[in-house]
Amino acid sequence: MNADVLAYFDNLKNKICRLFGVSVLIYPMNHNLTLPADDVLGCCHRLRDDDGNLIGYIITIDENYITSCYYGRNIPHSQYNDDVLAETICHEIAHLYVWEHTEEHAELTKELHNAVRQNLGR
């Protein structure tokens, strides 16, 4: 990822985190090197201490996906753009409240994404 792509990502995720008052760390990561599935765009990771107690979360968003969204945002009808990246970030933030992929998680993701669209002009 180059500096322009990283700045683009940092700007968007920082705005979203401020909007929701979320302080969880959100990092770009090459998921192809670290996760077993090839198509993971974002991931919410539970952090546990040596005794297995939950101590926090971090969120990672795939570097290649971020890069595709950065360049795709200027291409008409691209499937990659600011809005889909924002939705992915919202999806992962929703896991802080609803861990499983349930209807409740889907609804929360939708609510968060709609709030981003309304407040950040996405």
N, C-alpha and C. Protein backbone atom coordinates (compact mmCIF):
# COMPACT_ATOMS: atom_id res chain seq x y z
N MET A 1 0.85 -1.18 0.00
CA MET A 1 0.00 0.00 0.00
C MET A 1 0.89 1.24 0.00
N ASN A 2 0.58 2.17 -0.88
CA ASN A 2 1.37 3.39 -0.89
C ASN A 2 0.80 4.41 0.10
N ALA A 3 1.52 5.51 0.28
CA ALA A 3 1.14 6.52 1.28
C ALA A 3 -0.21 7.16 0.97
N ASP A 4 -0.54 7.36 -0.31
CA ASP A 4 -1.83 7.96 -0.66
C ASP A 4 -2.99 7.04 -0.29
N VAL A 5 -2.83 5.76 -0.55
CA VAL A 5 -3.87 4.79 -0.22
C VAL A 5 -4.04 4.70 1.29
N LEU A 6 -2.93 4.67 2.01
CA LEU A 6 -3.00 4.60 3.46
C LEU A 6 -3.67 5.85 4.05
N ALA A 7 -3.34 7.02 3.52
CA ALA A 7 -3.97 8.25 3.99
C ALA A 7 -5.47 8.24 3.71
N TYR A 8 -5.86 7.76 2.54
CA TYR A 8 -7.28 7.62 2.18
C TYR A 8 -8.00 6.73 3.19
N PHE A 9 -7.42 5.58 3.49
CA PHE A 9 -8.01 4.64 4.43
C PHE A 9 -8.09 5.24 5.84
N ASP A 10 -6.98 5.82 6.29
CA ASP A 10 -6.95 6.41 7.64
C ASP A 10 -8.00 7.51 7.78
N ASN A 11 -8.14 8.33 6.77
CA ASN A 11 -9.12 9.42 6.81
C ASN A 11 -10.54 8.86 6.95
N LEU A 12 -10.89 7.88 6.14
CA LEU A 12 -12.24 7.31 6.18
C LEU A 12 -12.50 6.60 7.50
N LYS A 13 -11.60 5.74 7.93
CA LYS A 13 -11.84 4.97 9.16
C LYS A 13 -11.84 5.89 10.38
N ASN A 14 -11.02 6.93 10.39
CA ASN A 14 -11.03 7.87 11.52
C ASN A 14 -12.34 8.63 11.61
N LYS A 15 -12.89 9.03 10.47
CA LYS A 15 -14.19 9.71 10.46
C LYS A 15 -15.29 8.79 10.98
N ILE A 16 -15.26 7.54 10.56
CA ILE A 16 -16.27 6.57 11.00
C ILE A 16 -16.13 6.31 12.50
N CYS A 17 -14.93 6.13 12.97
CA CYS A 17 -14.72 5.89 14.41
C CYS A 17 -15.17 7.08 15.24
N ARG A 18 -14.88 8.29 14.79
CA ARG A 18 -15.34 9.48 15.52
C ARG A 18 -16.86 9.57 15.52
N LEU A 19 -17.47 9.26 14.40
CA LEU A 19 -18.93 9.32 14.29
C LEU A 19 -19.59 8.42 15.34
N PHE A 20 -19.04 7.24 15.55
CA PHE A 20 -19.65 6.27 16.46
C PHE A 20 -18.99 6.23 17.84
N GLY A 21 -17.96 7.04 18.05
CA GLY A 21 -17.28 7.02 19.34
C GLY A 21 -16.58 5.70 19.61
N VAL A 22 -16.07 5.09 18.56
CA VAL A 22 -15.42 3.79 18.66
C VAL A 22 -13.91 4.01 18.75
N SER A 23 -13.29 3.38 19.74
CA SER A 23 -11.84 3.56 19.91
C SER A 23 -11.04 2.31 19.53
N VAL A 24 -11.71 1.31 19.01
CA VAL A 24 -11.00 0.09 18.61
C VAL A 24 -10.01 0.43 17.49
N LEU A 25 -8.86 -0.23 17.52
CA LEU A 25 -7.85 -0.01 16.49
C LEU A 25 -8.27 -0.73 15.21
N ILE A 26 -8.15 -0.04 14.10
CA ILE A 26 -8.48 -0.60 12.79
C ILE A 26 -7.25 -0.43 11.90
N TYR A 27 -6.73 -1.56 11.45
CA TYR A 27 -5.49 -1.57 10.68
C TYR A 27 -5.68 -2.19 9.30
N PRO A 28 -4.90 -1.75 8.32
CA PRO A 28 -4.83 -2.50 7.07
C PRO A 28 -3.95 -3.74 7.29
N MET A 29 -4.29 -4.83 6.62
CA MET A 29 -3.51 -6.05 6.74
C MET A 29 -3.66 -6.86 5.46
N ASN A 30 -2.60 -7.52 5.07
CA ASN A 30 -2.68 -8.42 3.93
C ASN A 30 -3.29 -9.73 4.42
N HIS A 31 -4.59 -9.87 4.25
CA HIS A 31 -5.29 -11.04 4.76
C HIS A 31 -4.87 -12.33 4.05
N ASN A 32 -4.39 -12.24 2.82
CA ASN A 32 -3.97 -13.45 2.11
C ASN A 32 -2.78 -14.11 2.80
N LEU A 33 -2.00 -13.33 3.54
CA LEU A 33 -0.84 -13.87 4.24
C LEU A 33 -1.17 -14.35 5.65
N THR A 34 -2.27 -13.89 6.20
CA THR A 34 -2.51 -14.12 7.62
C THR A 34 -3.78 -14.89 7.94
N LEU A 35 -4.75 -14.92 7.04
CA LEU A 35 -6.03 -15.59 7.32
C LEU A 35 -6.23 -16.74 6.36
N PRO A 36 -6.94 -17.78 6.80
CA PRO A 36 -7.10 -18.97 5.95
C PRO A 36 -7.97 -18.77 4.72
N ALA A 37 -8.94 -17.88 4.76
CA ALA A 37 -9.83 -17.69 3.60
C ALA A 37 -9.27 -16.61 2.68
N ASP A 38 -9.45 -16.79 1.38
CA ASP A 38 -8.91 -15.85 0.40
C ASP A 38 -9.75 -14.60 0.23
N ASP A 39 -10.99 -14.64 0.62
CA ASP A 39 -11.90 -13.54 0.29
C ASP A 39 -12.32 -12.72 1.51
N VAL A 40 -11.50 -12.69 2.55
CA VAL A 40 -11.83 -11.93 3.75
C VAL A 40 -11.47 -10.47 3.53
N LEU A 41 -12.50 -9.62 3.45
CA LEU A 41 -12.28 -8.19 3.23
C LEU A 41 -11.97 -7.48 4.53
N GLY A 42 -12.65 -7.89 5.60
CA GLY A 42 -12.43 -7.32 6.92
C GLY A 42 -12.56 -8.40 7.96
N CYS A 43 -11.96 -8.16 9.12
CA CYS A 43 -12.02 -9.15 10.18
C CYS A 43 -11.95 -8.44 11.53
N CYS A 44 -12.84 -8.83 12.43
CA CYS A 44 -12.82 -8.34 13.80
C CYS A 44 -12.18 -9.46 14.63
N HIS A 45 -11.08 -9.14 15.29
CA HIS A 45 -10.32 -10.12 16.05
C HIS A 45 -10.56 -9.91 17.55
N ARG A 46 -10.88 -10.97 18.25
CA ARG A 46 -10.99 -10.93 19.71
C ARG A 46 -9.60 -11.14 20.30
N LEU A 47 -9.24 -10.31 21.24
CA LEU A 47 -7.96 -10.45 21.93
C LEU A 47 -8.22 -11.02 23.32
N ARG A 48 -7.46 -12.05 23.67
CA ARG A 48 -7.65 -12.70 24.97
C ARG A 48 -6.31 -12.76 25.72
N ASP A 49 -6.41 -12.74 27.03
CA ASP A 49 -5.20 -12.89 27.84
C ASP A 49 -4.83 -14.37 27.95
N ASP A 50 -3.78 -14.67 28.70
CA ASP A 50 -3.30 -16.05 28.82
C ASP A 50 -4.32 -16.99 29.45
N ASP A 51 -5.27 -16.43 30.20
CA ASP A 51 -6.31 -17.25 30.82
C ASP A 51 -7.56 -17.38 29.96
N GLY A 52 -7.54 -16.77 28.76
CA GLY A 52 -8.68 -16.86 27.86
C GLY A 52 -9.72 -15.79 28.06
N ASN A 53 -9.45 -14.83 28.92
CA ASN A 53 -10.40 -13.74 29.16
C ASN A 53 -10.32 -12.70 28.04
N LEU A 54 -11.47 -12.25 27.60
CA LEU A 54 -11.53 -11.23 26.56
C LEU A 54 -10.96 -9.93 27.10
N ILE A 55 -9.98 -9.37 26.37
CA ILE A 55 -9.37 -8.10 26.81
C ILE A 55 -9.55 -6.99 25.79
N GLY A 56 -10.07 -7.30 24.62
CA GLY A 56 -10.30 -6.26 23.63
C GLY A 56 -10.46 -6.81 22.24
N TYR A 57 -10.48 -5.90 21.30
CA TYR A 57 -10.67 -6.24 19.88
C TYR A 57 -9.72 -5.39 19.03
N ILE A 58 -9.39 -5.89 17.87
CA ILE A 58 -8.84 -5.07 16.80
C ILE A 58 -9.58 -5.47 15.52
N ILE A 59 -9.62 -4.56 14.60
CA ILE A 59 -10.24 -4.81 13.30
C ILE A 59 -9.17 -4.67 12.24
N THR A 60 -9.16 -5.59 11.29
CA THR A 60 -8.26 -5.47 10.14
C THR A 60 -9.10 -5.43 8.86
N ILE A 61 -8.63 -4.62 7.92
CA ILE A 61 -9.26 -4.53 6.60
C ILE A 61 -8.18 -4.87 5.59
N ASP A 62 -8.52 -5.71 4.63
CA ASP A 62 -7.54 -6.21 3.67
C ASP A 62 -6.92 -5.07 2.85
N GLU A 63 -5.60 -5.07 2.78
CA GLU A 63 -4.85 -4.04 2.06
C GLU A 63 -5.22 -3.99 0.57
N ASN A 64 -5.34 -5.15 -0.05
CA ASN A 64 -5.67 -5.18 -1.48
C ASN A 64 -7.06 -4.61 -1.74
N TYR A 65 -7.99 -4.89 -0.82
CA TYR A 65 -9.34 -4.36 -0.92
C TYR A 65 -9.34 -2.85 -0.77
N ILE A 66 -8.60 -2.35 0.21
CA ILE A 66 -8.48 -0.89 0.40
C ILE A 66 -7.93 -0.24 -0.86
N THR A 67 -6.89 -0.83 -1.42
CA THR A 67 -6.28 -0.30 -2.64
C THR A 67 -7.27 -0.31 -3.80
N SER A 68 -8.03 -1.40 -3.92
CA SER A 68 -9.05 -1.48 -4.98
C SER A 68 -10.10 -0.39 -4.81
N CYS A 69 -10.51 -0.13 -3.57
CA CYS A 69 -11.50 0.92 -3.31
C CYS A 69 -10.92 2.30 -3.62
N TYR A 70 -9.67 2.52 -3.28
CA TYR A 70 -9.02 3.80 -3.55
C TYR A 70 -9.03 4.10 -5.06
N TYR A 71 -8.59 3.13 -5.86
CA TYR A 71 -8.53 3.36 -7.30
C TYR A 71 -9.90 3.23 -7.96
N GLY A 72 -10.74 2.37 -7.45
CA GLY A 72 -12.06 2.14 -8.03
C GLY A 72 -13.02 3.30 -7.85
N ARG A 73 -12.77 4.13 -6.84
CA ARG A 73 -13.68 5.26 -6.57
C ARG A 73 -13.73 6.26 -7.72
N ASN A 74 -12.74 6.24 -8.59
CA ASN A 74 -12.70 7.16 -9.73
C ASN A 74 -13.11 6.51 -11.04
N ILE A 75 -13.57 5.27 -10.96
CA ILE A 75 -13.98 4.54 -12.16
C ILE A 75 -15.50 4.38 -12.12
N PRO A 76 -16.21 4.92 -13.11
CA PRO A 76 -17.67 4.80 -13.10
C PRO A 76 -18.11 3.33 -13.02
N HIS A 77 -19.10 3.06 -12.18
CA HIS A 77 -19.72 1.75 -12.01
C HIS A 77 -18.78 0.69 -11.44
N SER A 78 -17.68 1.12 -10.81
CA SER A 78 -16.77 0.16 -10.17
C SER A 78 -17.46 -0.44 -8.95
N GLN A 79 -17.19 -1.72 -8.69
CA GLN A 79 -17.73 -2.35 -7.49
C GLN A 79 -16.92 -1.95 -6.26
N TYR A 80 -15.79 -1.29 -6.47
CA TYR A 80 -14.94 -0.84 -5.36
C TYR A 80 -15.00 0.68 -5.28
N ASN A 81 -15.34 1.18 -4.08
CA ASN A 81 -15.44 2.63 -3.90
C ASN A 81 -15.51 2.95 -2.40
N ASP A 82 -15.63 4.23 -2.10
CA ASP A 82 -15.69 4.68 -0.70
C ASP A 82 -16.85 4.02 0.04
N ASP A 83 -17.99 3.93 -0.61
CA ASP A 83 -19.19 3.43 0.06
C ASP A 83 -19.05 1.98 0.48
N VAL A 84 -18.51 1.13 -0.37
CA VAL A 84 -18.37 -0.28 0.00
C VAL A 84 -17.30 -0.46 1.07
N LEU A 85 -16.26 0.36 1.02
CA LEU A 85 -15.25 0.30 2.08
C LEU A 85 -15.85 0.74 3.41
N ALA A 86 -16.64 1.80 3.39
CA ALA A 86 -17.32 2.25 4.62
C ALA A 86 -18.24 1.16 5.14
N GLU A 87 -18.95 0.49 4.25
CA GLU A 87 -19.86 -0.58 4.67
C GLU A 87 -19.08 -1.73 5.33
N THR A 88 -17.92 -2.06 4.78
CA THR A 88 -17.10 -3.12 5.36
C THR A 88 -16.63 -2.73 6.75
N ILE A 89 -16.20 -1.50 6.92
CA ILE A 89 -15.78 -1.03 8.24
C ILE A 89 -16.96 -1.09 9.20
N CYS A 90 -18.13 -0.67 8.76
CA CYS A 90 -19.33 -0.73 9.60
C CYS A 90 -19.67 -2.17 9.97
N HIS A 91 -19.52 -3.09 9.03
CA HIS A 91 -19.78 -4.51 9.28
C HIS A 91 -18.89 -5.01 10.42
N GLU A 92 -17.61 -4.64 10.36
CA GLU A 92 -16.68 -5.11 11.39
C GLU A 92 -16.95 -4.42 12.73
N ILE A 93 -17.30 -3.16 12.72
CA ILE A 93 -17.66 -2.47 13.96
C ILE A 93 -18.90 -3.12 14.58
N ALA A 94 -19.83 -3.55 13.76
CA ALA A 94 -21.03 -4.22 14.28
C ALA A 94 -20.67 -5.48 15.07
N HIS A 95 -19.55 -6.13 14.71
CA HIS A 95 -19.12 -7.32 15.46
C HIS A 95 -18.72 -7.00 16.89
N LEU A 96 -18.44 -5.75 17.19
CA LEU A 96 -18.12 -5.38 18.57
C LEU A 96 -19.34 -5.55 19.47
N TYR A 97 -20.52 -5.53 18.86
CA TYR A 97 -21.78 -5.58 19.60
C TYR A 97 -22.54 -6.88 19.38
N VAL A 98 -22.44 -7.42 18.17
CA VAL A 98 -23.11 -8.68 17.83
C VAL A 98 -22.07 -9.54 17.10
N TRP A 99 -21.58 -10.57 17.76
CA TRP A 99 -20.46 -11.33 17.20
C TRP A 99 -20.86 -12.18 15.99
N GLU A 100 -21.94 -12.88 16.08
CA GLU A 100 -22.34 -13.82 15.02
C GLU A 100 -22.99 -13.09 13.84
N HIS A 101 -22.93 -13.71 12.67
CA HIS A 101 -23.59 -13.18 11.48
C HIS A 101 -25.08 -13.54 11.53
N THR A 102 -25.80 -12.78 12.31
CA THR A 102 -27.24 -12.99 12.48
C THR A 102 -27.99 -11.84 11.82
N GLU A 103 -29.30 -11.94 11.84
CA GLU A 103 -30.14 -10.85 11.33
C GLU A 103 -29.88 -9.57 12.13
N GLU A 104 -29.69 -9.73 13.43
CA GLU A 104 -29.39 -8.56 14.27
C GLU A 104 -28.11 -7.87 13.84
N HIS A 105 -27.09 -8.68 13.51
CA HIS A 105 -25.82 -8.12 13.03
C HIS A 105 -26.03 -7.41 11.70
N ALA A 106 -26.79 -8.02 10.80
CA ALA A 106 -27.06 -7.41 9.50
C ALA A 106 -27.79 -6.08 9.65
N GLU A 107 -28.77 -6.04 10.54
CA GLU A 107 -29.52 -4.80 10.78
C GLU A 107 -28.63 -3.72 11.38
N LEU A 108 -27.79 -4.09 12.33
CA LEU A 108 -26.88 -3.12 12.93
C LEU A 108 -25.90 -2.59 11.90
N THR A 109 -25.36 -3.47 11.07
CA THR A 109 -24.46 -3.03 9.99
C THR A 109 -25.17 -2.03 9.09
N LYS A 110 -26.40 -2.32 8.72
CA LYS A 110 -27.18 -1.43 7.87
C LYS A 110 -27.40 -0.08 8.54
N GLU A 111 -27.74 -0.08 9.83
CA GLU A 111 -27.95 1.18 10.56
C GLU A 111 -26.67 2.01 10.62
N LEU A 112 -25.56 1.35 10.92
CA LEU A 112 -24.28 2.05 10.97
C LEU A 112 -23.92 2.63 9.61
N HIS A 113 -24.09 1.82 8.57
CA HIS A 113 -23.76 2.27 7.22
C HIS A 113 -24.65 3.44 6.80
N ASN A 114 -25.93 3.38 7.12
CA ASN A 114 -26.83 4.50 6.80
C ASN A 114 -26.40 5.77 7.53
N ALA A 115 -25.96 5.63 8.78
CA ALA A 115 -25.48 6.79 9.54
C ALA A 115 -24.25 7.39 8.89
N VAL A 116 -23.36 6.54 8.40
CA VAL A 116 -22.16 7.04 7.70
C VAL A 116 -22.59 7.80 6.45
N ARG A 117 -23.48 7.23 5.69
CA ARG A 117 -23.96 7.89 4.46
C ARG A 117 -24.57 9.25 4.77
N GLN A 118 -25.36 9.33 5.82
CA GLN A 118 -26.03 10.59 6.17
C GLN A 118 -25.06 11.63 6.72
N ASN A 119 -24.11 11.19 7.54
CA ASN A 119 -23.24 12.12 8.22
C ASN A 119 -21.93 12.44 7.50
N LEU A 120 -21.50 11.53 6.65
CA LEU A 120 -20.23 11.74 5.97
C LEU A 120 -20.39 11.92 4.46
N GLY A 121 -21.63 11.95 4.02
CA GLY A 121 -21.89 12.20 2.61
C GLY A 121 -21.41 11.10 1.69
N ARG A 122 -21.50 9.89 2.14
CA ARG A 122 -21.07 8.74 1.31
C ARG A 122 -22.24 8.18 0.58
